[in-house]
């Protein structure tokens, strides 16, 4: 059976759909991925370069009478997008109208809840989107499926950026390390942690709590 190497922007729902599976759990729960699940306990957050075992596809068989017209419905796999949107002071954008645009799909319109939650169902293969709050003049460009795991440096930097803690990129390794340490120190200070500038366990727990909302990573 094939081994699939995860690409940037991949999510497990998309990978499953590409291989003909209607449910990502067919791949995720397979014994061939037991060791992988220990490394990546959250199936929805993968890292480019990860390798997944792909089980054999079992074709569905349908018996149809000849001489008659039949209808077969094929369901397209979908994925759920969930975002909690906050203002610069960290307060949720409550009761705000939003429009989510994903290429090839009708716009999803809704209103955020008390936690500033935006929730929408999109195609499994969607990789980009545009989120607009028309009454507030806010527009966000979204990269769907591009969030790396929390235990990866790129995952930490992405979460810092999403939380409004700017962490510039530098081609110089020493400079990059200093920029990351400064950003982490700012996050720690803002949330009452010991300011170490290091990605320690309390800081990872904080990122999991405020960004991933309790999800494993």
C-alpha atoms as a PDB file:
ATOM      1  CA  UNK A   1       0.000   0.000   0.000  1.00  0.00           C
ATOM      2  CA  UNK A   2       1.217   3.543  -0.724  1.00  0.00           C
ATOM      3  CA  UNK A   3       2.870   5.891   1.714  1.00  0.00           C
ATOM      4  CA  UNK A   4       1.669   9.462   1.218  1.00  0.00           C
ATOM      5  CA  UNK A   5       3.945  12.413   1.978  1.00  0.00           C
ATOM      6  CA  UNK A   6       1.977  15.388   3.286  1.00  0.00           C
ATOM      7  CA  UNK A   7       2.272  18.584   1.216  1.00  0.00           C
ATOM      8  CA  UNK A   8       1.813  22.197   2.373  1.00  0.00           C
ATOM      9  CA  UNK A   9      -1.901  22.969   2.634  1.00  0.00           C
ATOM     10  CA  UNK A  10      -2.942  19.331   3.017  1.00  0.00           C
ATOM     11  CA  UNK A  11      -5.529  18.261   5.536  1.00  0.00           C
ATOM     12  CA  UNK A  12      -6.510  14.681   6.274  1.00  0.00           C
ATOM     13  CA  UNK A  13     -10.025  15.164   4.894  1.00  0.00           C
ATOM     14  CA  UNK A  14      -8.574  16.302   1.562  1.00  0.00           C
ATOM     15  CA  UNK A  15      -6.078  13.426   1.451  1.00  0.00           C
ATOM     16  CA  UNK A  16      -8.856  10.925   2.186  1.00  0.00           C
ATOM     17  CA  UNK A  17     -11.024  12.397  -0.567  1.00  0.00           C
ATOM     18  CA  UNK A  18      -8.165  12.247  -3.080  1.00  0.00           C
ATOM     19  CA  UNK A  19      -7.794   8.526  -2.377  1.00  0.00           C
ATOM     20  CA  UNK A  20     -11.528   7.845  -2.607  1.00  0.00           C
ATOM     21  CA  UNK A  21     -12.406   7.668   1.089  1.00  0.00           C
ATOM     22  CA  UNK A  22     -15.506   9.440   2.353  1.00  0.00           C
ATOM     23  CA  UNK A  23     -14.230   9.590   5.936  1.00  0.00           C
ATOM     24  CA  UNK A  24     -10.697  10.562   6.986  1.00  0.00           C
ATOM     25  CA  UNK A  25     -10.932   8.119   9.904  1.00  0.00           C
ATOM     26  CA  UNK A  26     -10.482   5.225   7.464  1.00  0.00           C
ATOM     27  CA  UNK A  27      -6.883   6.391   7.088  1.00  0.00           C
ATOM     28  CA  UNK A  28      -6.386   7.833  10.559  1.00  0.00           C
ATOM     29  CA  UNK A  29      -7.611   4.803  12.516  1.00  0.00           C
ATOM     30  CA  UNK A  30      -5.771   2.226  10.399  1.00  0.00           C
ATOM     31  CA  UNK A  31      -3.178   0.186  12.365  1.00  0.00           C
ATOM     32  CA  UNK A  32      -0.583   1.214   9.789  1.00  0.00           C
ATOM     33  CA  UNK A  33      -0.753   4.762  11.215  1.00  0.00           C
ATOM     34  CA  UNK A  34      -0.552   3.794  14.906  1.00  0.00           C
ATOM     35  CA  UNK A  35       2.952   5.228  15.340  1.00  0.00           C
ATOM     36  CA  UNK A  36       2.060   8.323  13.365  1.00  0.00           C
ATOM     37  CA  UNK A  37      -0.850   9.052  15.721  1.00  0.00           C
ATOM     38  CA  UNK A  38       1.616   9.179  18.616  1.00  0.00           C
ATOM     39  CA  UNK A  39       3.543  11.928  16.834  1.00  0.00           C
ATOM     40  CA  UNK A  40       0.517  13.835  15.561  1.00  0.00           C
ATOM     41  CA  UNK A  41      -2.359  13.295  18.016  1.00  0.00           C
ATOM     42  CA  UNK A  42      -4.521  15.882  16.219  1.00  0.00           C
ATOM     43  CA  UNK A  43      -5.562  14.511  12.796  1.00  0.00           C
ATOM     44  CA  UNK A  44      -6.493  17.985  11.582  1.00  0.00           C
ATOM     45  CA  UNK A  45      -3.027  19.521  12.053  1.00  0.00           C
ATOM     46  CA  UNK A  46      -0.366  17.911   9.895  1.00  0.00           C
ATOM     47  CA  UNK A  47       3.161  18.958   8.926  1.00  0.00           C
ATOM     48  CA  UNK A  48       4.506  19.035   5.387  1.00  0.00           C
ATOM     49  CA  UNK A  49       6.789  16.015   5.065  1.00  0.00           C
ATOM     50  CA  UNK A  50       4.754  13.792   7.385  1.00  0.00           C
ATOM     51  CA  UNK A  51       4.153  10.323   5.967  1.00  0.00           C
ATOM     52  CA  UNK A  52       0.822   8.514   6.160  1.00  0.00           C
ATOM     53  CA  UNK A  53      -0.007   4.910   5.371  1.00  0.00           C
ATOM     54  CA  UNK A  54      -2.871   4.736   2.855  1.00  0.00           C
ATOM     55  CA  UNK A  55      -4.987   1.565   3.128  1.00  0.00           C
ATOM     56  CA  UNK A  56      -6.461  -0.221   0.153  1.00  0.00           C
ATOM     57  CA  UNK A  57      -9.663   1.215  -1.253  1.00  0.00           C
ATOM     58  CA  UNK A  58     -12.581  -1.213  -1.282  1.00  0.00           C
ATOM     59  CA  UNK A  59     -14.902  -0.354  -4.209  1.00  0.00           C
ATOM     60  CA  UNK A  60     -18.613  -0.103  -3.464  1.00  0.00           C
ATOM     61  CA  UNK A  61     -20.808  -2.478  -5.432  1.00  0.00           C
ATOM     62  CA  UNK A  62     -24.376  -1.652  -6.446  1.00  0.00           C
ATOM     63  CA  UNK A  63     -26.778  -3.986  -8.205  1.00  0.00           C
ATOM     64  CA  UNK A  64     -29.015  -2.236 -10.760  1.00  0.00           C
ATOM     65  CA  UNK A  65     -31.724  -3.560 -13.013  1.00  0.00           C
ATOM     66  CA  UNK A  66     -31.271  -3.116 -16.767  1.00  0.00           C
ATOM     67  CA  UNK A  67     -33.741  -1.167 -18.855  1.00  0.00           C
ATOM     68  CA  UNK A  68     -34.460   1.334 -16.112  1.00  0.00           C
ATOM     69  CA  UNK A  69     -33.107   4.745 -15.127  1.00  0.00           C
ATOM     70  CA  UNK A  70     -31.318   4.937 -11.798  1.00  0.00           C
ATOM     71  CA  UNK A  71     -29.976   7.787  -9.678  1.00  0.00           C
ATOM     72  CA  UNK A  72     -26.724   7.435  -7.755  1.00  0.00           C
ATOM     73  CA  UNK A  73     -25.811  10.224  -5.359  1.00  0.00           C
ATOM     74  CA  UNK A  74     -22.120  10.816  -4.656  1.00  0.00           C
ATOM     75  CA  UNK A  75     -21.429  12.873  -1.557  1.00  0.00           C
ATOM     76  CA  UNK A  76     -18.426  15.171  -1.713  1.00  0.00           C
ATOM     77  CA  UNK A  77     -16.267  15.177   1.442  1.00  0.00           C
ATOM     78  CA  UNK A  78     -16.476  18.453   3.312  1.00  0.00           C
ATOM     79  CA  UNK A  79     -14.383  20.108   6.002  1.00  0.00           C
ATOM     80  CA  UNK A  80     -15.382  22.495   8.768  1.00  0.00           C
ATOM     81  CA  UNK A  81     -13.634  25.835   9.218  1.00  0.00           C
ATOM     82  CA  UNK A  82     -13.750  27.297  12.724  1.00  0.00           C
ATOM     83  CA  UNK A  83     -12.207  30.656  13.660  1.00  0.00           C
ATOM     84  CA  UNK A  84     -12.474  32.725  16.817  1.00  0.00           C
ATOM     85  CA  UNK A  85     -12.046  36.384  15.891  1.00  0.00           C
ATOM     86  CA  UNK A  86     -10.981  38.970  18.460  1.00  0.00           C
ATOM     87  CA  UNK A  87     -10.383  42.701  18.490  1.00  0.00           C
ATOM     88  CA  UNK A  88      -6.923  44.185  19.305  1.00  0.00           C
ATOM     89  CA  UNK A  89      -7.792  44.085  23.024  1.00  0.00           C
ATOM     90  CA  UNK A  90      -8.441  40.351  22.895  1.00  0.00           C
ATOM     91  CA  UNK A  91     -12.217  40.689  23.136  1.00  0.00           C
ATOM     92  CA  UNK A  92     -14.333  38.487  20.829  1.00  0.00           C
ATOM     93  CA  UNK A  93     -16.128  40.103  17.899  1.00  0.00           C
ATOM     94  CA  UNK A  94     -19.640  39.249  19.055  1.00  0.00           C
ATOM     95  CA  UNK A  95     -22.727  39.314  16.852  1.00  0.00           C
ATOM     96  CA  UNK A  96     -20.863  40.516  13.759  1.00  0.00           C
ATOM     97  CA  UNK A  97     -22.058  39.674  10.260  1.00  0.00           C
ATOM     98  CA  UNK A  98     -19.451  37.864   8.174  1.00  0.00           C
ATOM     99  CA  UNK A  99     -19.043  36.607   4.612  1.00  0.00           C
ATOM    100  CA  UNK A 100     -16.686  33.712   3.882  1.00  0.00           C
ATOM    101  CA  UNK A 101     -15.645  33.233   0.264  1.00  0.00           C
ATOM    102  CA  UNK A 102     -14.040  30.028  -1.000  1.00  0.00           C
ATOM    103  CA  UNK A 103     -13.264  29.536  -4.700  1.00  0.00           C
ATOM    104  CA  UNK A 104     -15.937  27.629  -6.576  1.00  0.00           C
ATOM    105  CA  UNK A 105     -18.472  27.836  -3.743  1.00  0.00           C
ATOM    106  CA  UNK A 106     -21.357  30.095  -2.839  1.00  0.00           C
ATOM    107  CA  UNK A 107     -20.499  32.673  -0.207  1.00  0.00           C
ATOM    108  CA  UNK A 108     -21.158  31.550   3.354  1.00  0.00           C
ATOM    109  CA  UNK A 109     -22.891  34.259   5.358  1.00  0.00           C
ATOM    110  CA  UNK A 110     -23.489  34.237   9.076  1.00  0.00           C
ATOM    111  CA  UNK A 111     -23.072  36.010  12.393  1.00  0.00           C
ATOM    112  CA  UNK A 112     -20.431  35.410  15.034  1.00  0.00           C
ATOM    113  CA  UNK A 113     -21.558  34.086  18.408  1.00  0.00           C
ATOM    114  CA  UNK A 114     -20.662  35.318  21.881  1.00  0.00           C
ATOM    115  CA  UNK A 115     -17.144  33.864  21.506  1.00  0.00           C
ATOM    116  CA  UNK A 116     -16.553  35.525  18.120  1.00  0.00           C
ATOM    117  CA  UNK A 117     -16.831  32.151  16.405  1.00  0.00           C
ATOM    118  CA  UNK A 118     -16.973  31.890  12.621  1.00  0.00           C
ATOM    119  CA  UNK A 119     -17.995  28.419  11.504  1.00  0.00           C
ATOM    120  CA  UNK A 120     -18.566  27.178   7.965  1.00  0.00           C
ATOM    121  CA  UNK A 121     -18.499  23.953   5.956  1.00  0.00           C
ATOM    122  CA  UNK A 122     -16.245  24.079   2.867  1.00  0.00           C
ATOM    123  CA  UNK A 123     -14.953  21.590   0.272  1.00  0.00           C
ATOM    124  CA  UNK A 124     -12.291  19.223   1.601  1.00  0.00           C
ATOM    125  CA  UNK A 125      -9.810  20.490  -0.982  1.00  0.00           C
ATOM    126  CA  UNK A 126     -10.240  24.197  -0.229  1.00  0.00           C
ATOM    127  CA  UNK A 127      -6.855  25.831   0.357  1.00  0.00           C
ATOM    128  CA  UNK A 128      -7.616  29.565   0.470  1.00  0.00           C
ATOM    129  CA  UNK A 129     -10.468  31.769   1.541  1.00  0.00           C
ATOM    130  CA  UNK A 130     -11.486  35.354   2.162  1.00  0.00           C
ATOM    131  CA  UNK A 131     -13.271  36.355   5.365  1.00  0.00           C
ATOM    132  CA  UNK A 132     -14.978  39.741   5.438  1.00  0.00           C
ATOM    133  CA  UNK A 133     -16.802  41.621   8.165  1.00  0.00           C
ATOM    134  CA  UNK A 134     -18.657  44.181   6.019  1.00  0.00           C
ATOM    135  CA  UNK A 135     -19.984  46.315   8.874  1.00  0.00           C
ATOM    136  CA  UNK A 136     -16.519  46.596  10.437  1.00  0.00           C
ATOM    137  CA  UNK A 137     -14.471  47.066   7.272  1.00  0.00           C
ATOM    138  CA  UNK A 138     -12.327  44.049   8.122  1.00  0.00           C
ATOM    139  CA  UNK A 139     -10.995  41.565   5.560  1.00  0.00           C
ATOM    140  CA  UNK A 140      -8.801  38.531   6.252  1.00  0.00           C
ATOM    141  CA  UNK A 141      -7.051  36.269   3.749  1.00  0.00           C
ATOM    142  CA  UNK A 142      -7.115  32.664   4.930  1.00  0.00           C
ATOM    143  CA  UNK A 143      -4.758  29.797   4.173  1.00  0.00           C
ATOM    144  CA  UNK A 144      -6.761  26.688   4.942  1.00  0.00           C
ATOM    145  CA  UNK A 145      -4.925  23.571   6.082  1.00  0.00           C
ATOM    146  CA  UNK A 146      -1.604  25.391   6.482  1.00  0.00           C
ATOM    147  CA  UNK A 147      -1.369  25.410  10.286  1.00  0.00           C
ATOM    148  CA  UNK A 148       1.569  23.267  11.411  1.00  0.00           C
ATOM    149  CA  UNK A 149       1.477  21.246  14.660  1.00  0.00           C
ATOM    150  CA  UNK A 150       2.083  23.089  17.912  1.00  0.00           C
ATOM    151  CA  UNK A 151       5.237  21.121  18.682  1.00  0.00           C
ATOM    152  CA  UNK A 152       6.909  22.463  15.526  1.00  0.00           C
ATOM    153  CA  UNK A 153       8.633  25.903  15.493  1.00  0.00           C
ATOM    154  CA  UNK A 154       6.631  26.895  12.414  1.00  0.00           C
ATOM    155  CA  UNK A 155       3.443  25.984  14.270  1.00  0.00           C
ATOM    156  CA  UNK A 156       4.412  28.192  17.203  1.00  0.00           C
ATOM    157  CA  UNK A 157       5.199  31.144  14.927  1.00  0.00           C
ATOM    158  CA  UNK A 158       1.934  30.746  13.023  1.00  0.00           C
ATOM    159  CA  UNK A 159      -0.093  30.757  16.228  1.00  0.00           C
ATOM    160  CA  UNK A 160       1.746  33.829  17.497  1.00  0.00           C
ATOM    161  CA  UNK A 161       0.895  35.634  14.256  1.00  0.00           C
ATOM    162  CA  UNK A 162      -2.762  34.578  14.459  1.00  0.00           C
ATOM    163  CA  UNK A 163      -2.892  35.958  17.999  1.00  0.00           C
ATOM    164  CA  UNK A 164      -1.545  39.307  16.821  1.00  0.00           C
ATOM    165  CA  UNK A 165       2.003  38.811  18.132  1.00  0.00           C
ATOM    166  CA  UNK A 166       4.161  39.757  15.173  1.00  0.00           C
ATOM    167  CA  UNK A 167       7.185  37.534  14.576  1.00  0.00           C
ATOM    168  CA  UNK A 168       9.110  38.627  11.444  1.00  0.00           C
ATOM    169  CA  UNK A 169      10.955  36.125   9.284  1.00  0.00           C
ATOM    170  CA  UNK A 170      14.730  36.316   8.956  1.00  0.00           C
ATOM    171  CA  UNK A 171      17.125  34.302   6.807  1.00  0.00           C
ATOM    172  CA  UNK A 172      19.723  34.580   9.557  1.00  0.00           C
ATOM    173  CA  UNK A 173      19.231  31.747  12.066  1.00  0.00           C
ATOM    174  CA  UNK A 174      20.535  33.714  15.060  1.00  0.00           C
ATOM    175  CA  UNK A 175      18.396  36.723  14.201  1.00  0.00           C
ATOM    176  CA  UNK A 176      15.334  34.518  13.714  1.00  0.00           C
ATOM    177  CA  UNK A 177      15.898  32.931  17.107  1.00  0.00           C
ATOM    178  CA  UNK A 178      16.018  36.365  18.733  1.00  0.00           C
ATOM    179  CA  UNK A 179      12.835  37.494  16.950  1.00  0.00           C
ATOM    180  CA  UNK A 180      10.975  34.381  18.080  1.00  0.00           C
ATOM    181  CA  UNK A 181      12.223  34.786  21.661  1.00  0.00           C
ATOM    182  CA  UNK A 182      11.030  38.412  21.685  1.00  0.00           C
ATOM    183  CA  UNK A 183       7.585  37.429  20.385  1.00  0.00           C
ATOM    184  CA  UNK A 184       7.256  34.629  22.936  1.00  0.00           C
ATOM    185  CA  UNK A 185       8.334  36.952  25.743  1.00  0.00           C
ATOM    186  CA  UNK A 186       5.631  39.413  24.710  1.00  0.00           C
ATOM    187  CA  UNK A 187       2.996  36.662  24.728  1.00  0.00           C
ATOM    188  CA  UNK A 188       4.156  35.477  28.145  1.00  0.00           C
ATOM    189  CA  UNK A 189       4.050  39.014  29.525  1.00  0.00           C
ATOM    190  CA  UNK A 190       0.563  39.661  28.117  1.00  0.00           C
ATOM    191  CA  UNK A 191      -0.786  36.517  29.802  1.00  0.00           C
ATOM    192  CA  UNK A 192       0.999  36.696  33.146  1.00  0.00           C
ATOM    193  CA  UNK A 193       3.528  33.908  32.588  1.00  0.00           C
ATOM    194  CA  UNK A 194       7.168  33.973  33.621  1.00  0.00           C
ATOM    195  CA  UNK A 195       8.914  35.930  30.875  1.00  0.00           C
ATOM    196  CA  UNK A 196      11.606  33.568  29.620  1.00  0.00           C
ATOM    197  CA  UNK A 197      11.384  33.995  25.849  1.00  0.00           C
ATOM    198  CA  UNK A 198      11.520  30.208  25.626  1.00  0.00           C
ATOM    199  CA  UNK A 199       8.966  27.776  24.210  1.00  0.00           C
ATOM    200  CA  UNK A 200       8.477  25.993  27.516  1.00  0.00           C
ATOM    201  CA  UNK A 201       5.541  23.794  28.540  1.00  0.00           C
ATOM    202  CA  UNK A 202       3.481  26.594  30.169  1.00  0.00           C
ATOM    203  CA  UNK A 203       3.797  28.599  26.944  1.00  0.00           C
ATOM    204  CA  UNK A 204       2.739  25.616  24.816  1.00  0.00           C
ATOM    205  CA  UNK A 205      -0.221  25.044  27.159  1.00  0.00           C
ATOM    206  CA  UNK A 206      -1.163  28.713  26.806  1.00  0.00           C
ATOM    207  CA  UNK A 207      -1.048  28.549  23.009  1.00  0.00           C
ATOM    208  CA  UNK A 208      -3.161  25.406  23.071  1.00  0.00           C
ATOM    209  CA  UNK A 209      -5.691  27.098  25.334  1.00  0.00           C
ATOM    210  CA  UNK A 210      -6.039  30.468  23.624  1.00  0.00           C
ATOM    211  CA  UNK A 211      -5.431  29.440  20.011  1.00  0.00           C
ATOM    212  CA  UNK A 212      -6.386  25.777  19.607  1.00  0.00           C
ATOM    213  CA  UNK A 213      -9.148  26.020  22.222  1.00  0.00           C
ATOM    214  CA  UNK A 214      -8.216  22.822  23.990  1.00  0.00           C
ATOM    215  CA  UNK A 215      -7.557  20.741  20.870  1.00  0.00           C
ATOM    216  CA  UNK A 216      -4.656  18.338  21.021  1.00  0.00           C
ATOM    217  CA  UNK A 217      -1.691  19.236  18.859  1.00  0.00           C
END
